[in-house]
Each structure stands twice: as structure tokens, then as C-alpha cells.
Amino acid sequence: MRQAVSRWLSEERAAVSSEYVILISLIALAIFSGVQLFGQTVAGLYNRPELNQAFGS
């Protein structure tokens, strides 16, 4: 198993595919972080006490 993995990593095609995996993972992490940050910001806008009093809720 170890030999098969090392042989796979030594191939140029495998190196390119592993670079794509790293790139896609970083993009997914950036999207996830952005959604988390943006979601908390938007939720904070709607959870302000002065808005709740103004609209009677």
C-alpha cells in the first residue's frame, strides 16, 4: 500500500491532481469562512433591540 501511494505521488499527473485538491480545499474554506462571517453580520443587523422595539416585537 505504501509503495502504491509513493508511486502515485511520484507521477506528474498525480502531482497536478493533488495540487487541484489543495486548491479546491482552500477555495471551499474561503467560501465557508465568508458565509459564516457574512451570516453572523446579517443576523446581527436583525437582532438589534432598537429594531424590535420600533416594530413592536
N, C-alpha and C. Protein backbone atom coordinates (compact mmCIF):
# COMPACT_ATOMS: atom_id res chain seq x y z
N MET A 1 0.83 -1.19 0.00
CA MET A 1 0.00 0.00 0.00
C MET A 1 0.87 1.25 0.00
N ARG A 2 1.89 1.26 0.85
CA ARG A 2 2.77 2.41 0.95
C ARG A 2 3.49 2.64 -0.39
N GLN A 3 3.90 1.55 -1.03
CA GLN A 3 4.59 1.66 -2.31
C GLN A 3 3.65 2.22 -3.38
N ALA A 4 2.41 1.80 -3.36
CA ALA A 4 1.45 2.29 -4.34
C ALA A 4 1.21 3.78 -4.16
N VAL A 5 1.12 4.23 -2.92
CA VAL A 5 0.91 5.66 -2.67
C VAL A 5 2.13 6.47 -3.09
N SER A 6 3.31 6.00 -2.77
CA SER A 6 4.52 6.73 -3.16
C SER A 6 4.69 6.75 -4.68
N ARG A 7 4.32 5.67 -5.34
CA ARG A 7 4.39 5.63 -6.80
C ARG A 7 3.38 6.61 -7.40
N TRP A 8 2.18 6.66 -6.81
CA TRP A 8 1.14 7.57 -7.29
C TRP A 8 1.57 9.02 -7.11
N LEU A 9 2.21 9.33 -5.98
CA LEU A 9 2.65 10.70 -5.72
C LEU A 9 3.83 11.11 -6.60
N SER A 10 4.59 10.15 -7.08
CA SER A 10 5.76 10.48 -7.91
C SER A 10 5.38 10.78 -9.35
N GLU A 11 4.20 10.40 -9.77
CA GLU A 11 3.77 10.66 -11.13
C GLU A 11 3.40 12.14 -11.28
N GLU A 12 3.67 12.70 -12.44
CA GLU A 12 3.37 14.11 -12.68
C GLU A 12 1.86 14.36 -12.66
N ARG A 13 1.12 13.44 -13.22
CA ARG A 13 -0.33 13.59 -13.26
C ARG A 13 -0.91 13.60 -11.85
N ALA A 14 -0.36 12.79 -10.98
CA ALA A 14 -0.82 12.77 -9.60
C ALA A 14 -0.45 14.06 -8.88
N ALA A 15 0.69 14.62 -9.21
CA ALA A 15 1.10 15.88 -8.59
C ALA A 15 0.14 16.99 -8.98
N VAL A 16 -0.26 17.01 -10.23
CA VAL A 16 -1.20 18.03 -10.68
C VAL A 16 -2.55 17.83 -10.01
N SER A 17 -3.01 16.59 -9.91
CA SER A 17 -4.31 16.35 -9.28
C SER A 17 -4.27 16.67 -7.80
N SER A 18 -3.17 16.41 -7.13
CA SER A 18 -3.09 16.74 -5.71
C SER A 18 -3.04 18.25 -5.53
N GLU A 19 -2.44 18.98 -6.46
CA GLU A 19 -2.47 20.44 -6.40
C GLU A 19 -3.89 20.96 -6.56
N TYR A 20 -4.65 20.34 -7.44
CA TYR A 20 -6.04 20.74 -7.61
C TYR A 20 -6.85 20.47 -6.34
N VAL A 21 -6.58 19.37 -5.68
CA VAL A 21 -7.29 19.05 -4.44
C VAL A 21 -6.99 20.11 -3.38
N ILE A 22 -5.74 20.50 -3.27
CA ILE A 22 -5.37 21.54 -2.31
C ILE A 22 -6.03 22.87 -2.68
N LEU A 23 -6.02 23.22 -3.95
CA LEU A 23 -6.63 24.46 -4.40
C LEU A 23 -8.13 24.48 -4.13
N ILE A 24 -8.81 23.39 -4.44
CA ILE A 24 -10.26 23.31 -4.21
C ILE A 24 -10.57 23.36 -2.72
N SER A 25 -9.74 22.74 -1.91
CA SER A 25 -9.94 22.78 -0.46
C SER A 25 -9.80 24.19 0.08
N LEU A 26 -8.82 24.93 -0.40
CA LEU A 26 -8.63 26.31 0.04
C LEU A 26 -9.79 27.21 -0.41
N ILE A 27 -10.28 26.99 -1.61
CA ILE A 27 -11.42 27.76 -2.10
C ILE A 27 -12.66 27.45 -1.26
N ALA A 28 -12.88 26.17 -0.96
CA ALA A 28 -14.02 25.78 -0.13
C ALA A 28 -13.91 26.40 1.26
N LEU A 29 -12.72 26.42 1.82
CA LEU A 29 -12.51 27.02 3.14
C LEU A 29 -12.80 28.52 3.10
N ALA A 30 -12.38 29.19 2.05
CA ALA A 30 -12.64 30.62 1.92
C ALA A 30 -14.13 30.90 1.78
N ILE A 31 -14.83 30.08 1.01
CA ILE A 31 -16.28 30.26 0.85
C ILE A 31 -16.99 30.01 2.18
N PHE A 32 -16.62 28.94 2.86
CA PHE A 32 -17.24 28.62 4.15
C PHE A 32 -17.01 29.75 5.15
N SER A 33 -15.79 30.26 5.21
CA SER A 33 -15.48 31.34 6.15
C SER A 33 -16.26 32.60 5.81
N GLY A 34 -16.36 32.91 4.53
CA GLY A 34 -17.11 34.08 4.10
C GLY A 34 -18.59 33.97 4.44
N VAL A 35 -19.15 32.81 4.23
CA VAL A 35 -20.57 32.61 4.56
C VAL A 35 -20.79 32.72 6.06
N GLN A 36 -19.90 32.16 6.85
CA GLN A 36 -20.02 32.25 8.30
C GLN A 36 -19.95 33.70 8.76
N LEU A 37 -18.99 34.45 8.27
CA LEU A 37 -18.81 35.84 8.66
C LEU A 37 -19.99 36.69 8.20
N PHE A 38 -20.38 36.53 6.95
CA PHE A 38 -21.49 37.30 6.41
C PHE A 38 -22.80 36.95 7.11
N GLY A 39 -23.00 35.68 7.41
CA GLY A 39 -24.22 35.26 8.10
C GLY A 39 -24.32 35.84 9.49
N GLN A 40 -23.23 35.89 10.21
CA GLN A 40 -23.24 36.48 11.54
C GLN A 40 -23.48 37.98 11.47
N THR A 41 -22.93 38.63 10.47
CA THR A 41 -23.13 40.07 10.31
C THR A 41 -24.59 40.38 10.01
N VAL A 42 -25.19 39.63 9.11
CA VAL A 42 -26.59 39.85 8.76
C VAL A 42 -27.50 39.53 9.95
N ALA A 43 -27.21 38.46 10.65
CA ALA A 43 -28.01 38.12 11.83
C ALA A 43 -27.91 39.22 12.88
N GLY A 44 -26.74 39.81 13.02
CA GLY A 44 -26.56 40.91 13.96
C GLY A 44 -27.36 42.14 13.59
N LEU A 45 -27.57 42.36 12.31
CA LEU A 45 -28.37 43.50 11.87
C LEU A 45 -29.84 43.34 12.26
N TYR A 46 -30.33 42.12 12.24
CA TYR A 46 -31.74 41.87 12.53
C TYR A 46 -32.02 41.60 14.00
N ASN A 47 -31.00 41.42 14.80
CA ASN A 47 -31.19 41.13 16.22
C ASN A 47 -30.90 42.34 17.10
N ARG A 48 -31.03 43.53 16.55
CA ARG A 48 -30.79 44.74 17.34
C ARG A 48 -32.03 45.08 18.14
N PRO A 49 -31.90 45.40 19.42
CA PRO A 49 -33.06 45.69 20.27
C PRO A 49 -33.88 46.88 19.79
N GLU A 50 -33.23 47.91 19.26
CA GLU A 50 -33.99 49.09 18.82
C GLU A 50 -34.91 48.78 17.65
N LEU A 51 -34.55 47.81 16.82
CA LEU A 51 -35.45 47.40 15.74
C LEU A 51 -36.64 46.64 16.29
N ASN A 52 -36.42 45.80 17.28
CA ASN A 52 -37.51 45.05 17.86
C ASN A 52 -38.53 45.98 18.53
N GLN A 53 -38.09 47.02 19.19
CA GLN A 53 -39.00 47.97 19.83
C GLN A 53 -39.74 48.80 18.79
N ALA A 54 -39.07 49.17 17.72
CA ALA A 54 -39.68 50.01 16.69
C ALA A 54 -40.82 49.28 15.98
N PHE A 55 -40.68 47.98 15.80
CA PHE A 55 -41.69 47.21 15.10
C PHE A 55 -42.63 46.47 16.02
N GLY A 56 -42.50 46.67 17.33
CA GLY A 56 -43.42 46.09 18.29
C GLY A 56 -43.28 44.60 18.51
N SER A 57 -42.11 44.03 18.26
CA SER A 57 -41.96 42.60 18.54
C SER A 57 -41.18 42.35 19.78
